[in-house]
Amino acid sequence: MSIYRDCIKRVLGFCIALVALICLSPLLLVVTVWLHFANKGAGAFFFQERPGKDGKIFKIIKFKTMTDERDSNGKLLPDAQRLTRVGRFVRSTSIDELPQLFNVLVGDMAIIGPRPLLVQYLPLYSAEQARRHEVRPGITGWAQCHGRNTLSWQEKFKLDVWYVDHCSFLTDLKVIFTTIKKVIVRDGISQNGQATMETFNGNN
């Protein structure tokens, strides 16, 4: 048992999330109004089920950076076409992740941890890859410090499992400072040819 990982980390995360939400509330309000109009009636927030610690499903909350525009057959247009200029800015600065501080408050997420991915990926993981769910998912994580969305899925999962085995206060501090640096330079936002990252199919 790791005292930091299993006890202290949760208390620190709660305190940081609470203070951050209070301090950032003016920014969150402005962005909410901004996105409400930019998204053409699609709303400012995005809710989606994601697997958390031990695979438990929870609803993640993010700022919505895309419209709900569809083609003539009623199918959603590709992500790149629905991503607005405002949404692109909000995403590139990682502001879209800030509402997840509410997820941290209620205990579904941590500040630092493997990013929560789609529920549909759960049956595709190998036993080793599934170990990423041994800790709470995070707003940012070890993989985000080493390439973000430019990593292959295999590289990302290896880094996630490395974090599970090496979670510590010093590791989390390194993740925080590296994340701030990457946000400032807007590094690793998307893969080539993708608005974010390609879909995981169990082989890539």
C-alpha atoms as a PDB file:
ATOM      1  CA  MET A   1       0.000   0.000   0.000  1.00  0.00           C
ATOM      2  CA  SER A   2       1.244   3.482  -0.880  1.00  0.00           C
ATOM      3  CA  ILE A   3       0.171   6.030   1.727  1.00  0.00           C
ATOM      4  CA  TYR A   4       0.603   8.873  -0.748  1.00  0.00           C
ATOM      5  CA  ARG A   5      -1.254   7.173  -3.611  1.00  0.00           C
ATOM      6  CA  ASP A   6      -4.105   5.765  -1.514  1.00  0.00           C
ATOM      7  CA  CYS A   7      -4.636   8.559   1.036  1.00  0.00           C
ATOM      8  CA  ILE A   8      -2.656  11.800   0.788  1.00  0.00           C
ATOM      9  CA  LYS A   9      -3.109  12.201  -2.972  1.00  0.00           C
ATOM     10  CA  ARG A  10      -6.914  12.287  -2.652  1.00  0.00           C
ATOM     11  CA  VAL A  11      -6.857  14.946   0.115  1.00  0.00           C
ATOM     12  CA  LEU A  12      -4.396  17.137  -1.805  1.00  0.00           C
ATOM     13  CA  GLY A  13      -6.412  16.763  -4.995  1.00  0.00           C
ATOM     14  CA  PHE A  14      -9.632  17.827  -3.273  1.00  0.00           C
ATOM     15  CA  CYS A  15      -8.011  20.920  -1.765  1.00  0.00           C
ATOM     16  CA  ILE A  16      -6.320  21.937  -5.019  1.00  0.00           C
ATOM     17  CA  ALA A  17      -9.536  21.460  -7.024  1.00  0.00           C
ATOM     18  CA  LEU A  18     -11.592  23.504  -4.556  1.00  0.00           C
ATOM     19  CA  VAL A  19      -9.143  26.417  -4.500  1.00  0.00           C
ATOM     20  CA  ALA A  20      -8.709  26.292  -8.293  1.00  0.00           C
ATOM     21  CA  LEU A  21     -12.469  26.376  -8.927  1.00  0.00           C
ATOM     22  CA  ILE A  22     -12.878  29.401  -6.647  1.00  0.00           C
ATOM     23  CA  CYS A  23      -9.968  31.280  -8.244  1.00  0.00           C
ATOM     24  CA  LEU A  24     -10.898  30.359 -11.811  1.00  0.00           C
ATOM     25  CA  SER A  25     -14.650  30.925 -11.503  1.00  0.00           C
ATOM     26  CA  PRO A  26     -14.582  34.242 -13.476  1.00  0.00           C
ATOM     27  CA  LEU A  27     -12.702  32.555 -16.337  1.00  0.00           C
ATOM     28  CA  LEU A  28     -15.045  29.558 -16.299  1.00  0.00           C
ATOM     29  CA  LEU A  29     -18.063  31.855 -16.516  1.00  0.00           C
ATOM     30  CA  VAL A  30     -16.649  33.820 -19.458  1.00  0.00           C
ATOM     31  CA  VAL A  31     -15.704  30.656 -21.356  1.00  0.00           C
ATOM     32  CA  THR A  32     -19.140  29.146 -20.699  1.00  0.00           C
ATOM     33  CA  VAL A  33     -20.888  32.150 -22.276  1.00  0.00           C
ATOM     34  CA  TRP A  34     -18.347  32.291 -25.121  1.00  0.00           C
ATOM     35  CA  LEU A  35     -18.854  28.635 -26.042  1.00  0.00           C
ATOM     36  CA  HIS A  36     -22.626  28.848 -25.716  1.00  0.00           C
ATOM     37  CA  PHE A  37     -22.727  31.180 -28.697  1.00  0.00           C
ATOM     38  CA  ALA A  38     -19.805  29.670 -30.637  1.00  0.00           C
ATOM     39  CA  ASN A  39     -21.307  26.174 -30.555  1.00  0.00           C
ATOM     40  CA  LYS A  40     -24.494  27.300 -32.302  1.00  0.00           C
ATOM     41  CA  GLY A  41     -26.891  26.078 -29.650  1.00  0.00           C
ATOM     42  CA  ALA A  42     -25.023  22.844 -28.851  1.00  0.00           C
ATOM     43  CA  GLY A  43     -24.301  24.003 -25.307  1.00  0.00           C
ATOM     44  CA  ALA A  44     -21.082  24.867 -23.474  1.00  0.00           C
ATOM     45  CA  PHE A  45     -20.503  21.575 -21.655  1.00  0.00           C
ATOM     46  CA  PHE A  46     -19.803  18.035 -22.771  1.00  0.00           C
ATOM     47  CA  PHE A  47     -20.762  15.045 -20.616  1.00  0.00           C
ATOM     48  CA  GLN A  48     -19.688  11.498 -21.378  1.00  0.00           C
ATOM     49  CA  GLU A  49     -19.379   8.207 -19.519  1.00  0.00           C
ATOM     50  CA  ARG A  50     -15.773   7.159 -18.898  1.00  0.00           C
ATOM     51  CA  PRO A  51     -14.180   4.350 -16.868  1.00  0.00           C
ATOM     52  CA  GLY A  52     -12.498   5.432 -13.646  1.00  0.00           C
ATOM     53  CA  LYS A  53     -10.630   3.611 -10.889  1.00  0.00           C
ATOM     54  CA  ASP A  54     -11.189  -0.158 -11.101  1.00  0.00           C
ATOM     55  CA  GLY A  55     -13.179   0.444 -14.294  1.00  0.00           C
ATOM     56  CA  LYS A  56     -16.077   2.096 -12.450  1.00  0.00           C
ATOM     57  CA  ILE A  57     -18.091   4.233 -14.866  1.00  0.00           C
ATOM     58  CA  PHE A  58     -18.590   7.936 -14.160  1.00  0.00           C
ATOM     59  CA  LYS A  59     -19.617  10.996 -16.173  1.00  0.00           C
ATOM     60  CA  ILE A  60     -16.768  13.286 -17.151  1.00  0.00           C
ATOM     61  CA  ILE A  61     -17.460  16.979 -17.698  1.00  0.00           C
ATOM     62  CA  LYS A  62     -15.510  19.137 -20.150  1.00  0.00           C
ATOM     63  CA  PHE A  63     -16.083  22.319 -22.067  1.00  0.00           C
ATOM     64  CA  LYS A  64     -17.699  21.480 -25.401  1.00  0.00           C
ATOM     65  CA  THR A  65     -15.453  22.582 -28.268  1.00  0.00           C
ATOM     66  CA  MET A  66     -17.509  21.328 -31.221  1.00  0.00           C
ATOM     67  CA  THR A  67     -20.895  22.015 -32.745  1.00  0.00           C
ATOM     68  CA  ASP A  68     -23.465  19.272 -33.316  1.00  0.00           C
ATOM     69  CA  GLU A  69     -23.635  19.924 -37.064  1.00  0.00           C
ATOM     70  CA  ARG A  70     -24.678  16.965 -39.217  1.00  0.00           C
ATOM     71  CA  ASP A  71     -24.640  16.029 -42.891  1.00  0.00           C
ATOM     72  CA  SER A  72     -27.700  15.512 -45.094  1.00  0.00           C
ATOM     73  CA  ASN A  73     -28.105  11.973 -43.711  1.00  0.00           C
ATOM     74  CA  GLY A  74     -28.190  13.152 -40.119  1.00  0.00           C
ATOM     75  CA  LYS A  75     -24.690  11.882 -39.344  1.00  0.00           C
ATOM     76  CA  LEU A  76     -22.346  14.081 -37.328  1.00  0.00           C
ATOM     77  CA  LEU A  77     -19.730  15.794 -39.464  1.00  0.00           C
ATOM     78  CA  PRO A  78     -16.055  14.859 -38.853  1.00  0.00           C
ATOM     79  CA  ASP A  79     -14.522  16.344 -35.701  1.00  0.00           C
ATOM     80  CA  ALA A  80     -12.240  18.648 -37.671  1.00  0.00           C
ATOM     81  CA  GLN A  81     -15.248  20.252 -39.383  1.00  0.00           C
ATOM     82  CA  ARG A  82     -17.237  20.716 -36.175  1.00  0.00           C
ATOM     83  CA  LEU A  83     -14.334  22.178 -34.187  1.00  0.00           C
ATOM     84  CA  THR A  84     -14.933  25.933 -33.989  1.00  0.00           C
ATOM     85  CA  ARG A  85     -12.263  28.642 -33.815  1.00  0.00           C
ATOM     86  CA  VAL A  86     -13.235  29.293 -30.229  1.00  0.00           C
ATOM     87  CA  GLY A  87     -13.188  25.574 -29.528  1.00  0.00           C
ATOM     88  CA  ARG A  88      -9.751  25.226 -31.110  1.00  0.00           C
ATOM     89  CA  PHE A  89      -8.401  27.957 -28.827  1.00  0.00           C
ATOM     90  CA  VAL A  90     -10.059  26.501 -25.728  1.00  0.00           C
ATOM     91  CA  ARG A  91      -8.661  23.072 -26.566  1.00  0.00           C
ATOM     92  CA  SER A  92      -5.148  24.240 -27.473  1.00  0.00           C
ATOM     93  CA  THR A  93      -4.856  26.052 -24.139  1.00  0.00           C
ATOM     94  CA  SER A  94      -6.361  23.038 -22.285  1.00  0.00           C
ATOM     95  CA  ILE A  95      -9.093  25.260 -20.838  1.00  0.00           C
ATOM     96  CA  ASP A  96     -11.564  22.596 -21.978  1.00  0.00           C
ATOM     97  CA  GLU A  97     -10.219  20.320 -19.228  1.00  0.00           C
ATOM     98  CA  LEU A  98     -10.915  22.716 -16.337  1.00  0.00           C
ATOM     99  CA  PRO A  99     -14.518  21.576 -15.614  1.00  0.00           C
ATOM    100  CA  GLN A 100     -13.017  18.210 -14.634  1.00  0.00           C
ATOM    101  CA  LEU A 101     -12.051  19.895 -11.371  1.00  0.00           C
ATOM    102  CA  PHE A 102     -15.656  19.100 -10.372  1.00  0.00           C
ATOM    103  CA  ASN A 103     -14.918  15.413 -11.080  1.00  0.00           C
ATOM    104  CA  VAL A 104     -11.903  15.700  -8.771  1.00  0.00           C
ATOM    105  CA  LEU A 105     -14.029  17.227  -6.008  1.00  0.00           C
ATOM    106  CA  VAL A 106     -16.481  14.313  -5.989  1.00  0.00           C
ATOM    107  CA  GLY A 107     -13.690  11.726  -6.149  1.00  0.00           C
ATOM    108  CA  ASP A 108     -14.175  10.341  -9.653  1.00  0.00           C
ATOM    109  CA  MET A 109     -10.847  11.750 -10.814  1.00  0.00           C
ATOM    110  CA  ALA A 110      -7.506  13.001  -9.524  1.00  0.00           C
ATOM    111  CA  ILE A 111      -5.445  15.981 -10.644  1.00  0.00           C
ATOM    112  CA  ILE A 112      -2.740  13.590 -11.898  1.00  0.00           C
ATOM    113  CA  GLY A 113      -3.375  10.146 -13.396  1.00  0.00           C
ATOM    114  CA  PRO A 114      -3.962   8.281 -16.676  1.00  0.00           C
ATOM    115  CA  ARG A 115      -6.468  10.119 -18.847  1.00  0.00           C
ATOM    116  CA  PRO A 116      -9.967   8.542 -18.734  1.00  0.00           C
ATOM    117  CA  LEU A 117     -10.684   7.062 -22.153  1.00  0.00           C
ATOM    118  CA  LEU A 118     -13.860   5.773 -23.811  1.00  0.00           C
ATOM    119  CA  VAL A 119     -15.968   3.009 -22.263  1.00  0.00           C
ATOM    120  CA  GLN A 120     -15.951   1.164 -25.594  1.00  0.00           C
ATOM    121  CA  TYR A 121     -12.205   0.595 -25.234  1.00  0.00           C
ATOM    122  CA  LEU A 122     -12.537  -1.488 -22.038  1.00  0.00           C
ATOM    123  CA  PRO A 123     -12.815  -4.931 -23.713  1.00  0.00           C
ATOM    124  CA  LEU A 124      -9.915  -4.079 -26.049  1.00  0.00           C
ATOM    125  CA  TYR A 125      -7.228  -3.684 -23.381  1.00  0.00           C
ATOM    126  CA  SER A 126      -4.666  -6.358 -22.627  1.00  0.00           C
ATOM    127  CA  ALA A 127      -4.294  -7.309 -18.955  1.00  0.00           C
ATOM    128  CA  GLU A 128      -1.239  -5.062 -18.704  1.00  0.00           C
ATOM    129  CA  GLN A 129      -2.961  -2.100 -20.370  1.00  0.00           C
ATOM    130  CA  ALA A 130      -5.987  -2.473 -18.077  1.00  0.00           C
ATOM    131  CA  ARG A 131      -3.702  -1.771 -15.092  1.00  0.00           C
ATOM    132  CA  ARG A 132      -4.096   1.921 -15.920  1.00  0.00           C
ATOM    133  CA  HIS A 133      -7.388   1.655 -13.983  1.00  0.00           C
ATOM    134  CA  GLU A 134      -5.652   0.773 -10.714  1.00  0.00           C
ATOM    135  CA  VAL A 135      -5.561   4.489  -9.889  1.00  0.00           C
ATOM    136  CA  ARG A 136      -8.008   7.340 -10.378  1.00  0.00           C
ATOM    137  CA  PRO A 137      -7.847   8.897 -13.856  1.00  0.00           C
ATOM    138  CA  GLY A 138      -6.399  12.389 -14.008  1.00  0.00           C
ATOM    139  CA  ILE A 139      -6.899  15.755 -15.654  1.00  0.00           C
ATOM    140  CA  THR A 140      -3.301  15.406 -16.793  1.00  0.00           C
ATOM    141  CA  GLY A 141      -0.834  12.570 -16.520  1.00  0.00           C
ATOM    142  CA  TRP A 142       2.550  11.029 -17.213  1.00  0.00           C
ATOM    143  CA  ALA A 143       1.644  10.289 -20.842  1.00  0.00           C
ATOM    144  CA  GLN A 144       0.577  13.907 -21.395  1.00  0.00           C
ATOM    145  CA  CYS A 145       4.065  14.971 -20.304  1.00  0.00           C
ATOM    146  CA  HIS A 146       5.662  12.741 -22.919  1.00  0.00           C
ATOM    147  CA  GLY A 147       3.776  13.565 -26.094  1.00  0.00           C
ATOM    148  CA  ARG A 148       0.085  14.008 -25.285  1.00  0.00           C
ATOM    149  CA  ASN A 149      -1.963  13.132 -28.393  1.00  0.00           C
ATOM    150  CA  THR A 150       1.115  12.651 -30.617  1.00  0.00           C
ATOM    151  CA  LEU A 151       1.887   9.326 -28.894  1.00  0.00           C
ATOM    152  CA  SER A 152       0.778   5.998 -30.307  1.00  0.00           C
ATOM    153  CA  TRP A 153      -1.732   4.124 -28.190  1.00  0.00           C
ATOM    154  CA  GLN A 154       0.881   1.515 -27.237  1.00  0.00           C
ATOM    155  CA  GLU A 155       3.295   4.219 -26.069  1.00  0.00           C
ATOM    156  CA  LYS A 156       0.555   5.944 -24.105  1.00  0.00           C
ATOM    157  CA  PHE A 157      -0.506   2.761 -22.308  1.00  0.00           C
ATOM    158  CA  LYS A 158       3.102   1.921 -21.355  1.00  0.00           C
ATOM    159  CA  LEU A 159       3.492   5.361 -19.823  1.00  0.00           C
ATOM    160  CA  ASP A 160       0.159   5.036 -17.986  1.00  0.00           C
ATOM    161  CA  VAL A 161       1.200   1.732 -16.415  1.00  0.00           C
ATOM    162  CA  TRP A 162       4.623   3.170 -15.555  1.00  0.00           C
ATOM    163  CA  TYR A 163       2.821   5.908 -13.627  1.00  0.00           C
ATOM    164  CA  VAL A 164       0.720   3.375 -11.732  1.00  0.00           C
ATOM    165  CA  ASP A 165       3.921   1.678 -10.550  1.00  0.00           C
ATOM    166  CA  HIS A 166       5.812   4.899  -9.773  1.00  0.00           C
ATOM    167  CA  CYS A 167       3.125   7.220  -8.423  1.00  0.00           C
ATOM    168  CA  SER A 168       4.661   9.564  -5.853  1.00  0.00           C
ATOM    169  CA  PHE A 169       4.518  13.173  -4.704  1.00  0.00           C
ATOM    170  CA  LEU A 170       7.693  14.012  -6.647  1.00  0.00           C
ATOM    171  CA  THR A 171       6.373  12.337  -9.808  1.00  0.00           C
ATOM    172  CA  ASP A 172       3.142  14.318  -9.556  1.00  0.00           C
ATOM    173  CA  LEU A 173       5.063  17.570  -9.090  1.00  0.00           C
ATOM    174  CA  LYS A 174       7.049  16.806 -12.231  1.00  0.00           C
ATOM    175  CA  VAL A 175       3.820  16.131 -14.145  1.00  0.00           C
ATOM    176  CA  ILE A 176       2.309  19.440 -13.018  1.00  0.00           C
ATOM    177  CA  PHE A 177       5.307  21.551 -14.036  1.00  0.00           C
ATOM    178  CA  THR A 178       5.756  19.713 -17.343  1.00  0.00           C
ATOM    179  CA  THR A 179       2.050  20.072 -18.137  1.00  0.00           C
ATOM    180  CA  ILE A 180       2.168  23.824 -17.512  1.00  0.00           C
ATOM    181  CA  LYS A 181       5.126  24.087 -19.887  1.00  0.00           C
ATOM    182  CA  LYS A 182       3.365  22.071 -22.607  1.00  0.00           C
ATOM    183  CA  VAL A 183       0.165  24.091 -22.268  1.00  0.00           C
ATOM    184  CA  ILE A 184       2.107  27.338 -22.674  1.00  0.00           C
ATOM    185  CA  VAL A 185       3.805  26.146 -25.876  1.00  0.00           C
ATOM    186  CA  ARG A 186       0.634  24.251 -26.964  1.00  0.00           C
ATOM    187  CA  ASP A 187       2.590  21.077 -27.629  1.00  0.00           C
ATOM    188  CA  GLY A 188       1.122  17.692 -28.620  1.00  0.00           C
ATOM    189  CA  ILE A 189      -2.489  18.799 -29.030  1.00  0.00           C
ATOM    190  CA  SER A 190      -3.316  16.423 -31.877  1.00  0.00           C
ATOM    191  CA  GLN A 191      -1.976  13.713 -34.135  1.00  0.00           C
ATOM    192  CA  ASN A 192      -1.202  14.451 -37.764  1.00  0.00           C
ATOM    193  CA  GLY A 193      -4.417  14.358 -39.785  1.00  0.00           C
ATOM    194  CA  GLN A 194      -6.608  14.198 -36.667  1.00  0.00           C
ATOM    195  CA  ALA A 195      -8.495  16.852 -34.678  1.00  0.00           C
ATOM    196  CA  THR A 196      -7.353  15.065 -31.511  1.00  0.00           C
ATOM    197  CA  MET A 197      -6.262  11.402 -31.697  1.00  0.00           C
ATOM    198  CA  GLU A 198      -7.197   8.393 -33.787  1.00  0.00           C
ATOM    199  CA  THR A 199      -9.656   5.804 -32.432  1.00  0.00           C
ATOM    200  CA  PHE A 200      -8.184   2.884 -30.498  1.00  0.00           C
ATOM    201  CA  ASN A 201      -9.122  -0.483 -32.043  1.00  0.00           C
ATOM    202  CA  GLY A 202      -7.027  -2.842 -29.933  1.00  0.00           C
ATOM    203  CA  ASN A 203      -4.239  -3.174 -32.490  1.00  0.00           C
ATOM    204  CA  ASN A 204      -2.810   0.341 -32.873  1.00  0.00           C
END
